[in-house]
Amino acid sequence: MGSHSHEVTDAILETLKRASSGLKEADVRFALAGGCAAYARGAAPSLHDVDFVLPQEDVPLALEALGKLGFETSRQPPEDWLVKAFDDGKLVDLIFSICDHPVTPELLKRAEPLKASAVILPVLEATDLVVSWLLPLSEHSCDYGSLLPQIRALREQVDWDRVAAVVQDSPYASTFLILLQRLDVIPGPIDSSGDPTWP
């Protein structure tokens, strides 16, 4: 990893620290997701932006809190699953729906307090984190290669039967699970007959 990567990582972690502190102070219900969550759970840093998940009704409060900190918040109407905020060019995604699955208080209750960038904040539970990566896989976005190192780092924290049950209707996600078994990243066979509801 070159010094530029270190600078990018440090800058993103600084944004993470500022944003999460602001959201906590405003009593926004949220959890860390994406690459920063994987990093908090022990994966190598692969940090391009900061992803938080939160219930849709907390989005206005979150944008107000980040706006007070000097983040640029998007004025146009949100996409149907996230809104964006920028900290001096660094992107913060506030995600309230994952593949038509609204972020629920139950999902956030399962999040665990972990340390990321010298702050303790709620981080998506590992199984939920993996589901949040696999459900969006599609014909237009199917980069197994970038997911592999993250999954490798988290594999022992994940309930793979649960992941398989939730993603069973997605050919892209199900095929990735077969790949993970063939590569000996996760033990097989996996039982996908459990409850598919999520989150």
N, C-alpha and C. Protein backbone atom coordinates (compact mmCIF):
# COMPACT_ATOMS: atom_id res chain seq x y z
N MET A 1 0.84 -1.19 0.00
CA MET A 1 0.00 0.00 0.00
C MET A 1 0.88 1.24 0.00
N GLY A 2 0.71 2.11 -1.01
CA GLY A 2 1.55 3.30 -1.11
C GLY A 2 1.13 4.37 -0.14
N SER A 3 1.93 5.44 -0.08
CA SER A 3 1.62 6.50 0.89
C SER A 3 0.31 7.19 0.51
N HIS A 4 -0.01 7.24 -0.82
CA HIS A 4 -1.26 7.87 -1.22
C HIS A 4 -2.45 7.11 -0.62
N SER A 5 -2.37 5.76 -0.66
CA SER A 5 -3.45 4.95 -0.07
C SER A 5 -3.60 5.23 1.41
N HIS A 6 -2.46 5.37 2.09
CA HIS A 6 -2.51 5.69 3.52
C HIS A 6 -3.20 7.02 3.74
N GLU A 7 -2.87 8.01 2.90
CA GLU A 7 -3.49 9.33 3.05
C GLU A 7 -5.00 9.25 2.84
N VAL A 8 -5.39 8.49 1.81
CA VAL A 8 -6.83 8.34 1.53
C VAL A 8 -7.51 7.67 2.71
N THR A 9 -6.91 6.59 3.21
CA THR A 9 -7.48 5.86 4.35
C THR A 9 -7.60 6.78 5.56
N ASP A 10 -6.54 7.52 5.86
CA ASP A 10 -6.57 8.42 7.02
C ASP A 10 -7.67 9.47 6.87
N ALA A 11 -7.80 10.00 5.66
CA ALA A 11 -8.80 11.04 5.41
C ALA A 11 -10.22 10.48 5.59
N ILE A 12 -10.44 9.28 5.06
CA ILE A 12 -11.77 8.65 5.18
C ILE A 12 -12.07 8.35 6.65
N LEU A 13 -11.06 7.86 7.39
CA LEU A 13 -11.28 7.54 8.80
C LEU A 13 -11.55 8.81 9.62
N GLU A 14 -10.93 9.90 9.22
CA GLU A 14 -11.20 11.18 9.89
C GLU A 14 -12.65 11.61 9.65
N THR A 15 -13.10 11.44 8.40
CA THR A 15 -14.51 11.74 8.06
C THR A 15 -15.44 10.83 8.85
N LEU A 16 -15.09 9.56 8.94
CA LEU A 16 -15.88 8.59 9.70
C LEU A 16 -16.03 9.05 11.15
N LYS A 17 -14.92 9.49 11.72
CA LYS A 17 -14.92 9.93 13.12
C LYS A 17 -15.85 11.13 13.31
N ARG A 18 -15.69 12.12 12.42
CA ARG A 18 -16.51 13.34 12.54
C ARG A 18 -17.99 13.04 12.34
N ALA A 19 -18.27 12.26 11.29
CA ALA A 19 -19.68 11.99 10.96
C ALA A 19 -20.35 11.17 12.06
N SER A 20 -19.68 10.11 12.53
CA SER A 20 -20.32 9.24 13.53
C SER A 20 -20.52 10.00 14.85
N SER A 21 -19.58 10.87 15.20
CA SER A 21 -19.75 11.66 16.42
C SER A 21 -20.96 12.58 16.29
N GLY A 22 -21.11 13.20 15.12
CA GLY A 22 -22.26 14.10 14.89
C GLY A 22 -23.59 13.36 14.93
N LEU A 23 -23.62 12.16 14.33
CA LEU A 23 -24.85 11.37 14.32
C LEU A 23 -25.21 10.91 15.73
N LYS A 24 -24.19 10.52 16.50
CA LYS A 24 -24.44 10.08 17.88
C LYS A 24 -25.03 11.23 18.70
N GLU A 25 -24.41 12.41 18.57
CA GLU A 25 -24.87 13.57 19.35
C GLU A 25 -26.31 13.92 19.01
N ALA A 26 -26.70 13.70 17.76
CA ALA A 26 -28.06 14.04 17.33
C ALA A 26 -29.06 12.90 17.61
N ASP A 27 -28.57 11.83 18.26
CA ASP A 27 -29.43 10.67 18.56
C ASP A 27 -30.01 10.01 17.32
N VAL A 28 -29.26 10.03 16.23
CA VAL A 28 -29.66 9.29 15.03
C VAL A 28 -29.41 7.80 15.29
N ARG A 29 -30.35 6.96 14.88
CA ARG A 29 -30.13 5.51 14.97
C ARG A 29 -29.37 5.09 13.71
N PHE A 30 -28.18 4.52 13.88
CA PHE A 30 -27.39 4.18 12.70
C PHE A 30 -26.41 3.07 13.04
N ALA A 31 -25.83 2.49 11.99
CA ALA A 31 -24.71 1.55 12.14
C ALA A 31 -23.77 1.74 10.96
N LEU A 32 -22.51 1.42 11.19
CA LEU A 32 -21.50 1.50 10.15
C LEU A 32 -21.63 0.29 9.24
N ALA A 33 -21.51 0.51 7.92
CA ALA A 33 -21.61 -0.57 6.94
C ALA A 33 -20.43 -0.45 5.97
N GLY A 34 -20.48 -1.24 4.89
CA GLY A 34 -19.49 -1.11 3.82
C GLY A 34 -18.07 -1.45 4.23
N GLY A 35 -17.11 -0.89 3.48
CA GLY A 35 -15.70 -1.19 3.70
C GLY A 35 -15.20 -0.77 5.07
N CYS A 36 -15.74 0.33 5.60
CA CYS A 36 -15.30 0.78 6.93
C CYS A 36 -15.75 -0.21 8.01
N ALA A 37 -16.92 -0.81 7.82
CA ALA A 37 -17.39 -1.83 8.78
C ALA A 37 -16.50 -3.07 8.70
N ALA A 38 -16.13 -3.45 7.48
CA ALA A 38 -15.23 -4.60 7.32
C ALA A 38 -13.89 -4.32 8.00
N TYR A 39 -13.41 -3.10 7.84
CA TYR A 39 -12.16 -2.68 8.48
C TYR A 39 -12.27 -2.76 10.00
N ALA A 40 -13.39 -2.28 10.54
CA ALA A 40 -13.61 -2.33 11.99
C ALA A 40 -13.66 -3.78 12.47
N ARG A 41 -14.05 -4.70 11.58
CA ARG A 41 -14.16 -6.11 11.93
C ARG A 41 -12.89 -6.89 11.59
N GLY A 42 -11.83 -6.18 11.17
CA GLY A 42 -10.54 -6.85 11.01
C GLY A 42 -10.05 -7.02 9.58
N ALA A 43 -10.83 -6.56 8.59
CA ALA A 43 -10.38 -6.66 7.20
C ALA A 43 -9.36 -5.57 6.92
N ALA A 44 -8.56 -5.78 5.87
CA ALA A 44 -7.61 -4.74 5.45
C ALA A 44 -8.39 -3.52 4.97
N PRO A 45 -7.84 -2.32 5.18
CA PRO A 45 -8.58 -1.14 4.74
C PRO A 45 -8.72 -1.11 3.22
N SER A 46 -9.95 -0.97 2.76
CA SER A 46 -10.22 -0.75 1.34
C SER A 46 -11.31 0.32 1.35
N LEU A 47 -10.89 1.52 1.65
CA LEU A 47 -11.86 2.56 2.04
C LEU A 47 -11.93 3.66 0.99
N HIS A 48 -13.12 3.79 0.40
CA HIS A 48 -13.32 4.84 -0.60
C HIS A 48 -14.34 5.86 -0.12
N ASP A 49 -15.22 5.42 0.74
CA ASP A 49 -16.24 6.31 1.28
C ASP A 49 -16.69 5.73 2.62
N VAL A 50 -17.60 6.43 3.27
CA VAL A 50 -18.14 5.97 4.55
C VAL A 50 -19.61 5.62 4.32
N ASP A 51 -20.00 4.41 4.70
CA ASP A 51 -21.39 3.98 4.55
C ASP A 51 -22.02 3.81 5.93
N PHE A 52 -23.13 4.50 6.14
CA PHE A 52 -23.94 4.27 7.33
C PHE A 52 -25.30 3.76 6.90
N VAL A 53 -25.88 2.84 7.67
CA VAL A 53 -27.27 2.45 7.45
C VAL A 53 -28.10 3.05 8.57
N LEU A 54 -29.32 3.46 8.22
CA LEU A 54 -30.20 4.10 9.20
C LEU A 54 -31.64 3.97 8.70
N PRO A 55 -32.63 4.06 9.62
CA PRO A 55 -34.02 4.00 9.17
C PRO A 55 -34.35 5.28 8.37
N GLN A 56 -35.23 5.13 7.39
CA GLN A 56 -35.52 6.28 6.51
C GLN A 56 -36.01 7.49 7.30
N GLU A 57 -36.78 7.25 8.38
CA GLU A 57 -37.32 8.41 9.11
C GLU A 57 -36.23 9.19 9.85
N ASP A 58 -35.05 8.62 10.01
CA ASP A 58 -33.95 9.35 10.67
C ASP A 58 -33.08 10.12 9.68
N VAL A 59 -33.36 9.99 8.39
CA VAL A 59 -32.50 10.66 7.38
C VAL A 59 -32.47 12.18 7.55
N PRO A 60 -33.65 12.86 7.71
CA PRO A 60 -33.59 14.33 7.86
C PRO A 60 -32.73 14.77 9.05
N LEU A 61 -32.87 14.05 10.17
CA LEU A 61 -32.09 14.36 11.37
C LEU A 61 -30.59 14.17 11.09
N ALA A 62 -30.27 13.10 10.37
CA ALA A 62 -28.86 12.81 10.05
C ALA A 62 -28.28 13.90 9.14
N LEU A 63 -29.05 14.31 8.13
CA LEU A 63 -28.56 15.35 7.22
C LEU A 63 -28.37 16.68 7.96
N GLU A 64 -29.30 16.97 8.87
CA GLU A 64 -29.19 18.20 9.66
C GLU A 64 -27.93 18.15 10.53
N ALA A 65 -27.69 17.01 11.16
CA ALA A 65 -26.51 16.86 12.03
C ALA A 65 -25.22 17.02 11.23
N LEU A 66 -25.15 16.40 10.05
CA LEU A 66 -23.94 16.50 9.23
C LEU A 66 -23.79 17.92 8.67
N GLY A 67 -24.92 18.54 8.31
CA GLY A 67 -24.88 19.92 7.81
C GLY A 67 -24.28 20.87 8.84
N LYS A 68 -24.64 20.66 10.11
CA LYS A 68 -24.11 21.52 11.19
C LYS A 68 -22.60 21.37 11.32
N LEU A 69 -22.07 20.20 10.94
CA LEU A 69 -20.63 19.96 11.03
C LEU A 69 -19.89 20.51 9.80
N GLY A 70 -20.65 21.07 8.85
CA GLY A 70 -20.01 21.62 7.66
C GLY A 70 -19.98 20.66 6.48
N PHE A 71 -20.63 19.50 6.60
CA PHE A 71 -20.74 18.59 5.45
C PHE A 71 -21.69 19.21 4.43
N GLU A 72 -21.38 19.02 3.16
CA GLU A 72 -22.32 19.42 2.11
C GLU A 72 -23.35 18.32 1.99
N THR A 73 -24.62 18.68 2.13
CA THR A 73 -25.65 17.65 1.99
C THR A 73 -26.44 17.91 0.73
N SER A 74 -26.85 16.85 0.12
CA SER A 74 -27.50 16.90 -1.18
C SER A 74 -28.86 17.59 -1.06
N ARG A 75 -29.11 18.54 -1.92
CA ARG A 75 -30.39 19.26 -1.88
C ARG A 75 -31.46 18.55 -2.73
N GLN A 76 -31.00 17.80 -3.76
CA GLN A 76 -32.01 17.15 -4.61
C GLN A 76 -32.67 16.02 -3.85
N PRO A 77 -33.86 15.60 -4.32
CA PRO A 77 -34.54 14.51 -3.60
C PRO A 77 -33.66 13.26 -3.58
N PRO A 78 -33.77 12.48 -2.51
CA PRO A 78 -32.90 11.32 -2.40
C PRO A 78 -33.23 10.28 -3.46
N GLU A 79 -32.25 9.44 -3.77
CA GLU A 79 -32.57 8.24 -4.54
C GLU A 79 -33.46 7.39 -3.66
N ASP A 80 -33.97 6.30 -4.21
CA ASP A 80 -34.94 5.56 -3.39
C ASP A 80 -34.29 4.66 -2.36
N TRP A 81 -32.96 4.80 -2.17
CA TRP A 81 -32.33 3.94 -1.16
C TRP A 81 -31.23 4.63 -0.37
N LEU A 82 -30.75 5.80 -0.82
CA LEU A 82 -29.71 6.48 -0.04
C LEU A 82 -29.71 7.98 -0.30
N VAL A 83 -29.07 8.71 0.62
CA VAL A 83 -28.73 10.12 0.38
C VAL A 83 -27.23 10.27 0.61
N LYS A 84 -26.66 11.31 0.01
CA LYS A 84 -25.21 11.50 0.08
C LYS A 84 -24.87 12.79 0.82
N ALA A 85 -23.75 12.76 1.51
CA ALA A 85 -23.19 13.98 2.12
C ALA A 85 -21.69 13.97 1.82
N PHE A 86 -21.11 15.16 1.74
CA PHE A 86 -19.69 15.26 1.40
C PHE A 86 -18.94 16.07 2.45
N ASP A 87 -17.82 15.53 2.87
CA ASP A 87 -16.93 16.19 3.82
C ASP A 87 -15.68 16.59 3.05
N ASP A 88 -15.68 17.81 2.54
CA ASP A 88 -14.51 18.27 1.78
C ASP A 88 -14.18 17.28 0.65
N GLY A 89 -15.21 16.86 -0.05
CA GLY A 89 -15.01 15.94 -1.18
C GLY A 89 -15.09 14.47 -0.83
N LYS A 90 -15.02 14.14 0.46
CA LYS A 90 -15.09 12.73 0.84
C LYS A 90 -16.56 12.34 1.05
N LEU A 91 -16.94 11.22 0.45
CA LEU A 91 -18.36 10.84 0.38
C LEU A 91 -18.81 10.07 1.61
N VAL A 92 -19.98 10.47 2.12
CA VAL A 92 -20.68 9.70 3.16
C VAL A 92 -22.03 9.30 2.58
N ASP A 93 -22.29 7.99 2.51
CA ASP A 93 -23.58 7.49 2.05
C ASP A 93 -24.44 7.16 3.27
N LEU A 94 -25.66 7.69 3.26
CA LEU A 94 -26.64 7.36 4.30
C LEU A 94 -27.67 6.45 3.65
N ILE A 95 -27.57 5.16 3.94
CA ILE A 95 -28.34 4.14 3.23
C ILE A 95 -29.54 3.73 4.08
N PHE A 96 -30.74 3.88 3.53
CA PHE A 96 -31.93 3.52 4.31
C PHE A 96 -32.68 2.31 3.73
N SER A 97 -32.19 1.79 2.60
CA SER A 97 -32.81 0.60 2.02
C SER A 97 -31.74 -0.18 1.26
N ILE A 98 -31.72 -1.49 1.43
CA ILE A 98 -30.73 -2.35 0.76
C ILE A 98 -31.50 -3.31 -0.14
N CYS A 99 -31.47 -3.06 -1.45
CA CYS A 99 -32.21 -3.93 -2.39
C CYS A 99 -33.67 -4.10 -1.97
N ASP A 100 -34.36 -3.00 -1.79
CA ASP A 100 -35.78 -3.00 -1.41
C ASP A 100 -36.05 -3.57 -0.02
N HIS A 101 -35.01 -3.75 0.76
CA HIS A 101 -35.19 -4.15 2.17
C HIS A 101 -34.93 -2.90 3.02
N PRO A 102 -35.97 -2.28 3.57
CA PRO A 102 -35.73 -1.09 4.39
C PRO A 102 -34.87 -1.42 5.61
N VAL A 103 -34.02 -0.49 5.98
CA VAL A 103 -33.21 -0.65 7.20
C VAL A 103 -34.16 -0.57 8.41
N THR A 104 -34.10 -1.57 9.26
CA THR A 104 -35.05 -1.68 10.38
C THR A 104 -34.34 -1.50 11.73
N PRO A 105 -35.11 -1.14 12.76
CA PRO A 105 -34.51 -1.09 14.10
C PRO A 105 -33.91 -2.44 14.50
N GLU A 106 -34.50 -3.55 14.02
CA GLU A 106 -33.97 -4.89 14.36
C GLU A 106 -32.54 -5.05 13.83
N LEU A 107 -32.34 -4.61 12.60
CA LEU A 107 -31.00 -4.69 11.99
C LEU A 107 -30.00 -3.90 12.84
N LEU A 108 -30.41 -2.71 13.27
CA LEU A 108 -29.51 -1.85 14.05
C LEU A 108 -29.28 -2.41 15.45
N LYS A 109 -30.30 -3.10 15.99
CA LYS A 109 -30.13 -3.71 17.32
C LYS A 109 -29.05 -4.79 17.30
N ARG A 110 -28.92 -5.47 16.16
CA ARG A 110 -27.91 -6.54 16.07
C ARG A 110 -26.50 -5.99 15.87
N ALA A 111 -26.40 -4.71 15.52
CA ALA A 111 -25.07 -4.11 15.33
C ALA A 111 -24.30 -4.15 16.65
N GLU A 112 -22.97 -4.23 16.54
CA GLU A 112 -22.14 -4.38 17.73
C GLU A 112 -21.21 -3.18 17.87
N PRO A 113 -21.03 -2.66 19.08
CA PRO A 113 -20.11 -1.55 19.27
C PRO A 113 -18.67 -2.00 19.06
N LEU A 114 -18.01 -1.41 18.09
CA LEU A 114 -16.62 -1.75 17.80
C LEU A 114 -15.84 -0.46 17.59
N LYS A 115 -14.52 -0.60 17.64
CA LYS A 115 -13.67 0.58 17.49
C LYS A 115 -13.28 0.74 16.02
N ALA A 116 -13.51 1.93 15.50
CA ALA A 116 -13.05 2.26 14.14
C ALA A 116 -12.52 3.68 14.21
N SER A 117 -11.29 3.86 13.80
CA SER A 117 -10.71 5.20 13.80
C SER A 117 -10.79 5.86 15.17
N ALA A 118 -10.45 5.11 16.21
CA ALA A 118 -10.36 5.65 17.58
C ALA A 118 -11.71 6.05 18.16
N VAL A 119 -12.81 5.72 17.50
CA VAL A 119 -14.12 5.93 18.12
C VAL A 119 -14.84 4.59 18.20
N ILE A 120 -15.66 4.46 19.23
CA ILE A 120 -16.50 3.26 19.34
C ILE A 120 -17.85 3.61 18.72
N LEU A 121 -18.29 2.79 17.78
CA LEU A 121 -19.58 3.06 17.17
C LEU A 121 -20.23 1.74 16.76
N PRO A 122 -21.57 1.75 16.56
CA PRO A 122 -22.24 0.50 16.18
C PRO A 122 -21.83 0.09 14.77
N VAL A 123 -21.42 -1.16 14.63
CA VAL A 123 -20.97 -1.70 13.35
C VAL A 123 -21.90 -2.87 12.99
N LEU A 124 -22.36 -2.90 11.75
CA LEU A 124 -23.25 -3.99 11.33
C LEU A 124 -22.69 -5.34 11.72
N GLU A 125 -23.55 -6.19 12.23
CA GLU A 125 -23.18 -7.56 12.57
C GLU A 125 -22.65 -8.24 11.30
N ALA A 126 -21.67 -9.11 11.43
CA ALA A 126 -20.93 -9.63 10.26
C ALA A 126 -21.84 -10.32 9.25
N THR A 127 -22.80 -11.11 9.73
CA THR A 127 -23.71 -11.80 8.81
C THR A 127 -24.54 -10.78 8.03
N ASP A 128 -25.05 -9.76 8.72
CA ASP A 128 -25.82 -8.71 8.05
C ASP A 128 -24.95 -7.93 7.06
N LEU A 129 -23.71 -7.72 7.43
CA LEU A 129 -22.79 -6.98 6.55
C LEU A 129 -22.60 -7.75 5.24
N VAL A 130 -22.37 -9.05 5.34
CA VAL A 130 -22.17 -9.87 4.14
C VAL A 130 -23.45 -9.89 3.31
N VAL A 131 -24.60 -10.03 3.95
CA VAL A 131 -25.87 -9.99 3.21
C VAL A 131 -26.01 -8.66 2.47
N SER A 132 -25.62 -7.57 3.13
CA SER A 132 -25.75 -6.24 2.51
C SER A 132 -24.83 -6.09 1.29
N TRP A 133 -23.76 -6.88 1.23
CA TRP A 133 -22.88 -6.88 0.05
C TRP A 133 -23.41 -7.79 -1.05
N LEU A 134 -24.00 -8.93 -0.66
CA LEU A 134 -24.38 -9.94 -1.65
C LEU A 134 -25.72 -9.65 -2.32
N LEU A 135 -26.68 -9.11 -1.57
CA LEU A 135 -27.99 -8.87 -2.17
C LEU A 135 -27.92 -7.95 -3.40
N PRO A 136 -27.08 -6.89 -3.38
CA PRO A 136 -27.06 -5.99 -4.55
C PRO A 136 -26.33 -6.56 -5.77
N LEU A 137 -25.68 -7.72 -5.66
CA LEU A 137 -24.98 -8.26 -6.82
C LEU A 137 -25.97 -8.46 -7.97
N SER A 138 -25.55 -8.04 -9.17
CA SER A 138 -26.45 -8.10 -10.32
C SER A 138 -25.62 -8.19 -11.58
N GLU A 139 -26.30 -8.28 -12.70
CA GLU A 139 -25.64 -8.34 -13.99
C GLU A 139 -24.71 -7.12 -14.19
N HIS A 140 -25.13 -5.98 -13.64
CA HIS A 140 -24.38 -4.73 -13.85
C HIS A 140 -23.35 -4.48 -12.77
N SER A 141 -23.43 -5.23 -11.69
CA SER A 141 -22.51 -5.00 -10.58
C SER A 141 -22.23 -6.35 -9.92
N CYS A 142 -21.19 -7.01 -10.41
CA CYS A 142 -20.93 -8.37 -9.96
C CYS A 142 -19.43 -8.58 -9.80
N ASP A 143 -18.83 -7.76 -8.96
CA ASP A 143 -17.38 -7.80 -8.80
C ASP A 143 -17.00 -8.73 -7.64
N TYR A 144 -16.92 -10.03 -7.93
CA TYR A 144 -16.56 -10.99 -6.90
C TYR A 144 -15.15 -10.72 -6.36
N GLY A 145 -14.27 -10.27 -7.25
CA GLY A 145 -12.86 -10.09 -6.87
C GLY A 145 -12.66 -9.14 -5.71
N SER A 146 -13.39 -8.02 -5.71
CA SER A 146 -13.19 -7.04 -4.63
C SER A 146 -13.82 -7.52 -3.32
N LEU A 147 -14.82 -8.40 -3.43
CA LEU A 147 -15.46 -8.91 -2.21
C LEU A 147 -14.62 -9.99 -1.51
N LEU A 148 -13.84 -10.74 -2.30
CA LEU A 148 -13.14 -11.91 -1.74
C LEU A 148 -12.27 -11.58 -0.52
N PRO A 149 -11.38 -10.57 -0.61
CA PRO A 149 -10.53 -10.32 0.57
C PRO A 149 -11.33 -9.90 1.80
N GLN A 150 -12.41 -9.14 1.58
CA GLN A 150 -13.24 -8.70 2.71
C GLN A 150 -13.90 -9.92 3.37
N ILE A 151 -14.46 -10.79 2.52
CA ILE A 151 -15.16 -11.98 3.03
C ILE A 151 -14.18 -12.91 3.74
N ARG A 152 -13.00 -13.06 3.15
CA ARG A 152 -11.99 -13.93 3.76
C ARG A 152 -11.70 -13.49 5.19
N ALA A 153 -11.58 -12.18 5.36
CA ALA A 153 -11.24 -11.64 6.68
C ALA A 153 -12.37 -11.84 7.70
N LEU A 154 -13.61 -11.88 7.22
CA LEU A 154 -14.76 -11.94 8.14
C LEU A 154 -15.35 -13.34 8.29
N ARG A 155 -14.86 -14.30 7.51
CA ARG A 155 -15.61 -15.56 7.32
C ARG A 155 -15.99 -16.26 8.61
N GLU A 156 -15.13 -16.18 9.64
CA GLU A 156 -15.42 -16.91 10.88
C GLU A 156 -16.45 -16.18 11.74
N GLN A 157 -16.76 -14.95 11.39
CA GLN A 157 -17.75 -14.18 12.16
C GLN A 157 -19.17 -14.34 11.58
N VAL A 158 -19.28 -15.06 10.46
CA VAL A 158 -20.52 -15.05 9.68
C VAL A 158 -21.29 -16.36 9.82
N ASP A 159 -22.62 -16.25 9.93
CA ASP A 159 -23.51 -17.41 9.90
C ASP A 159 -23.86 -17.67 8.42
N TRP A 160 -23.14 -18.59 7.80
CA TRP A 160 -23.27 -18.79 6.34
C TRP A 160 -24.60 -19.42 5.95
N ASP A 161 -25.19 -20.25 6.81
CA ASP A 161 -26.52 -20.80 6.51
C ASP A 161 -27.55 -19.67 6.43
N ARG A 162 -27.41 -18.73 7.34
CA ARG A 162 -28.33 -17.57 7.35
C ARG A 162 -28.15 -16.74 6.07
N VAL A 163 -26.89 -16.48 5.70
CA VAL A 163 -26.63 -15.73 4.46
C VAL A 163 -27.27 -16.45 3.27
N ALA A 164 -27.05 -17.77 3.20
CA ALA A 164 -27.56 -18.55 2.07
C ALA A 164 -29.09 -18.49 1.99
N ALA A 165 -29.75 -18.54 3.15
CA ALA A 165 -31.21 -18.50 3.17
C ALA A 165 -31.72 -17.15 2.65
N VAL A 166 -31.06 -16.07 3.08
CA VAL A 166 -31.52 -14.73 2.70
C VAL A 166 -31.28 -14.45 1.21
N VAL A 167 -30.16 -14.90 0.68
CA VAL A 167 -29.80 -14.53 -0.71
C VAL A 167 -30.19 -15.60 -1.74
N GLN A 168 -30.94 -16.63 -1.30
CA GLN A 168 -31.17 -17.78 -2.19
C GLN A 168 -31.85 -17.42 -3.51
N ASP A 169 -32.63 -16.33 -3.55
CA ASP A 169 -33.32 -15.97 -4.80
C ASP A 169 -32.42 -15.23 -5.78
N SER A 170 -31.21 -14.87 -5.34
CA SER A 170 -30.29 -14.14 -6.22
C SER A 170 -29.29 -15.11 -6.84
N PRO A 171 -29.35 -15.30 -8.17
CA PRO A 171 -28.39 -16.21 -8.80
C PRO A 171 -26.95 -15.73 -8.63
N TYR A 172 -26.74 -14.41 -8.59
CA TYR A 172 -25.39 -13.87 -8.47
C TYR A 172 -24.82 -14.14 -7.08
N ALA A 173 -25.64 -13.93 -6.06
CA ALA A 173 -25.18 -14.16 -4.68
C ALA A 173 -25.01 -15.66 -4.42
N SER A 174 -25.96 -16.47 -4.88
CA SER A 174 -25.87 -17.92 -4.63
C SER A 174 -24.64 -18.51 -5.31
N THR A 175 -24.35 -18.03 -6.51
CA THR A 175 -23.17 -18.52 -7.24
C THR A 175 -21.89 -18.11 -6.52
N PHE A 176 -21.89 -16.93 -5.94
CA PHE A 176 -20.71 -16.47 -5.19
C PHE A 176 -20.47 -17.38 -3.98
N LEU A 177 -21.55 -17.83 -3.35
CA LEU A 177 -21.39 -18.74 -2.21
C LEU A 177 -20.77 -20.07 -2.65
N ILE A 178 -21.15 -20.54 -3.84
CA ILE A 178 -20.53 -21.77 -4.38
C ILE A 178 -19.04 -21.52 -4.62
N LEU A 179 -18.73 -20.37 -5.20
CA LEU A 179 -17.32 -20.01 -5.44
C LEU A 179 -16.54 -20.00 -4.12
N LEU A 180 -17.11 -19.42 -3.08
CA LEU A 180 -16.43 -19.36 -1.78
C LEU A 180 -16.14 -20.77 -1.24
N GLN A 181 -17.07 -21.69 -1.48
CA GLN A 181 -16.84 -23.07 -1.04
C GLN A 181 -15.75 -23.73 -1.88
N ARG A 182 -15.79 -23.52 -3.21
CA ARG A 182 -14.79 -24.13 -4.08
C ARG A 182 -13.38 -23.62 -3.76
N LEU A 183 -13.31 -22.37 -3.31
CA LEU A 183 -12.01 -21.77 -2.97
C LEU A 183 -11.60 -22.09 -1.52
N ASP A 184 -12.42 -22.88 -0.83
CA ASP A 184 -12.17 -23.19 0.58
C ASP A 184 -12.12 -21.96 1.48
N VAL A 185 -12.84 -20.92 1.07
CA VAL A 185 -12.94 -19.74 1.94
C VAL A 185 -13.93 -20.04 3.05
N ILE A 186 -15.02 -20.74 2.69
CA ILE A 186 -16.01 -21.11 3.70
C ILE A 186 -16.26 -22.62 3.58
N PRO A 187 -16.61 -23.25 4.69
CA PRO A 187 -16.86 -24.70 4.65
C PRO A 187 -18.21 -24.98 4.01
N GLY A 188 -18.31 -26.04 3.25
CA GLY A 188 -19.61 -26.45 2.71
C GLY A 188 -20.00 -27.76 3.37
N PRO A 189 -21.15 -28.33 3.10
CA PRO A 189 -22.19 -27.65 2.34
C PRO A 189 -22.93 -26.65 3.22
N ILE A 190 -23.59 -25.70 2.55
CA ILE A 190 -24.36 -24.68 3.27
C ILE A 190 -25.84 -25.04 3.15
N ASP A 191 -26.57 -24.81 4.22
CA ASP A 191 -28.00 -25.11 4.23
C ASP A 191 -28.78 -23.80 4.02
N SER A 192 -29.45 -23.70 2.88
CA SER A 192 -30.17 -22.45 2.58
C SER A 192 -31.65 -22.55 2.89
N SER A 193 -32.05 -23.56 3.68
CA SER A 193 -33.48 -23.80 3.89
C SER A 193 -34.06 -22.97 5.04
N GLY A 194 -33.26 -22.10 5.64
CA GLY A 194 -33.74 -21.32 6.79
C GLY A 194 -34.66 -20.18 6.38
N ASP A 195 -34.95 -19.32 7.32
CA ASP A 195 -35.87 -18.19 7.13
C ASP A 195 -35.21 -17.16 6.20
N PRO A 196 -35.84 -16.88 5.03
CA PRO A 196 -35.22 -15.94 4.09
C PRO A 196 -35.51 -14.48 4.40
N THR A 197 -36.34 -14.21 5.43
CA THR A 197 -36.68 -12.79 5.68
C THR A 197 -35.48 -12.06 6.26
N TRP A 198 -35.34 -10.83 5.83
CA TRP A 198 -34.23 -9.96 6.27
C TRP A 198 -34.65 -8.53 5.98
N PRO A 199 -34.22 -7.55 6.76
CA PRO A 199 -33.34 -7.70 7.92
C PRO A 199 -34.08 -8.01 9.17
